[in-house]
């Protein structure tokens, strides 16, 4: 099998729900939160983030019909930063 298979870290970021310009700010805040979480995971795994592959809004955990928080699933591509032996305990999704 090829080592060119797609590998990624997927995290959830959230922010206060809004509309219009507020919605754009919510997306930026959620993305930044997701990126910080992904960077921590990547460092622990001995890999580095290569870029964003996908951003998707996910359903809120709140009561039906309420949207006090907006949640986004962000998928970041990764590549090895160190040898495989330095990544013990980490398995990338394929």
Protein backbone atom coordinates (compact mmCIF):
# COMPACT_ATOMS: atom_id res chain seq x y z
CA UNK A 1 0.00 0.00 0.00
CA UNK A 2 1.07 3.53 -0.70
CA UNK A 3 2.13 5.98 2.01
CA UNK A 4 0.28 8.69 0.05
CA UNK A 5 -2.97 7.84 1.83
CA UNK A 6 -4.91 10.72 3.33
CA UNK A 7 -4.14 11.28 7.01
CA UNK A 8 -5.71 13.87 9.24
CA UNK A 9 -6.61 15.17 12.69
CA UNK A 10 -10.25 16.09 13.17
CA UNK A 11 -11.37 18.36 16.03
CA UNK A 12 -14.45 20.32 17.10
CA UNK A 13 -14.38 24.08 17.65
CA UNK A 14 -17.30 26.16 18.87
CA UNK A 15 -18.38 29.72 19.54
CA UNK A 16 -21.43 31.80 20.39
CA UNK A 17 -24.03 31.49 17.64
CA UNK A 18 -24.78 34.56 15.55
CA UNK A 19 -25.99 35.82 12.19
CA UNK A 20 -24.41 37.94 9.46
CA UNK A 21 -21.09 39.44 10.57
CA UNK A 22 -21.50 37.74 13.93
CA UNK A 23 -21.69 34.40 12.14
CA UNK A 24 -18.39 35.09 10.36
CA UNK A 25 -16.80 35.99 13.71
CA UNK A 26 -18.24 32.80 15.22
CA UNK A 27 -16.66 30.74 12.45
CA UNK A 28 -13.29 32.47 12.96
CA UNK A 29 -13.40 31.88 16.73
CA UNK A 30 -14.44 28.25 16.29
CA UNK A 31 -11.71 27.69 13.70
CA UNK A 32 -9.03 29.20 15.96
CA UNK A 33 -10.17 27.03 18.88
CA UNK A 34 -10.08 23.95 16.65
CA UNK A 35 -6.63 24.85 15.33
CA UNK A 36 -5.22 25.24 18.86
CA UNK A 37 -6.60 21.82 19.81
CA UNK A 38 -5.24 20.25 16.62
CA UNK A 39 -1.80 21.77 17.20
CA UNK A 40 -1.67 20.27 20.70
CA UNK A 41 -2.70 16.85 19.37
CA UNK A 42 -0.22 17.08 16.50
CA UNK A 43 2.63 17.96 18.85
CA UNK A 44 1.78 15.04 21.14
CA UNK A 45 1.63 12.74 18.12
CA UNK A 46 4.91 13.92 16.62
CA UNK A 47 3.28 15.17 13.42
CA UNK A 48 2.67 18.61 12.00
CA UNK A 49 -0.43 20.18 10.49
CA UNK A 50 -0.25 20.77 6.74
CA UNK A 51 -3.52 22.66 6.20
CA UNK A 52 -7.29 22.59 6.43
CA UNK A 53 -9.02 19.82 4.50
CA UNK A 54 -12.61 20.39 5.58
CA UNK A 55 -14.81 22.58 7.80
CA UNK A 56 -18.37 21.43 8.51
CA UNK A 57 -21.00 22.76 10.89
CA UNK A 58 -22.31 20.10 13.28
CA UNK A 59 -25.55 19.98 15.24
CA UNK A 60 -25.63 21.68 18.63
CA UNK A 61 -25.95 19.57 21.79
CA UNK A 62 -28.51 22.04 23.17
CA UNK A 63 -32.27 21.68 23.23
CA UNK A 64 -33.99 21.20 19.88
CA UNK A 65 -34.70 24.51 18.16
CA UNK A 66 -32.06 26.44 20.12
CA UNK A 67 -28.71 27.44 18.70
CA UNK A 68 -26.85 29.23 21.43
CA UNK A 69 -23.55 27.69 20.30
CA UNK A 70 -22.28 27.01 16.80
CA UNK A 71 -20.04 23.95 16.45
CA UNK A 72 -17.71 23.18 13.56
CA UNK A 73 -15.78 20.02 12.78
CA UNK A 74 -12.42 20.96 11.28
CA UNK A 75 -10.18 18.43 9.55
CA UNK A 76 -6.47 19.29 9.28
CA UNK A 77 -4.04 17.36 7.10
CA UNK A 78 -0.91 16.06 8.82
CA UNK A 79 2.52 14.79 7.91
CA UNK A 80 5.24 13.14 9.99
CA UNK A 81 7.46 15.54 11.88
CA UNK A 82 9.67 12.84 13.43
CA UNK A 83 10.36 9.17 12.89
CA UNK A 84 7.53 6.67 13.43
CA UNK A 85 9.15 5.47 16.67
CA UNK A 86 8.62 8.96 18.12
CA UNK A 87 4.88 8.67 17.58
CA UNK A 88 4.14 5.73 19.86
CA UNK A 89 0.49 5.44 20.75
CA UNK A 90 -0.77 7.57 17.85
CA UNK A 91 -2.72 6.22 14.94
CA UNK A 92 -3.73 8.52 12.11
CA UNK A 93 -7.05 8.01 10.36
CA UNK A 94 -6.66 6.70 6.86
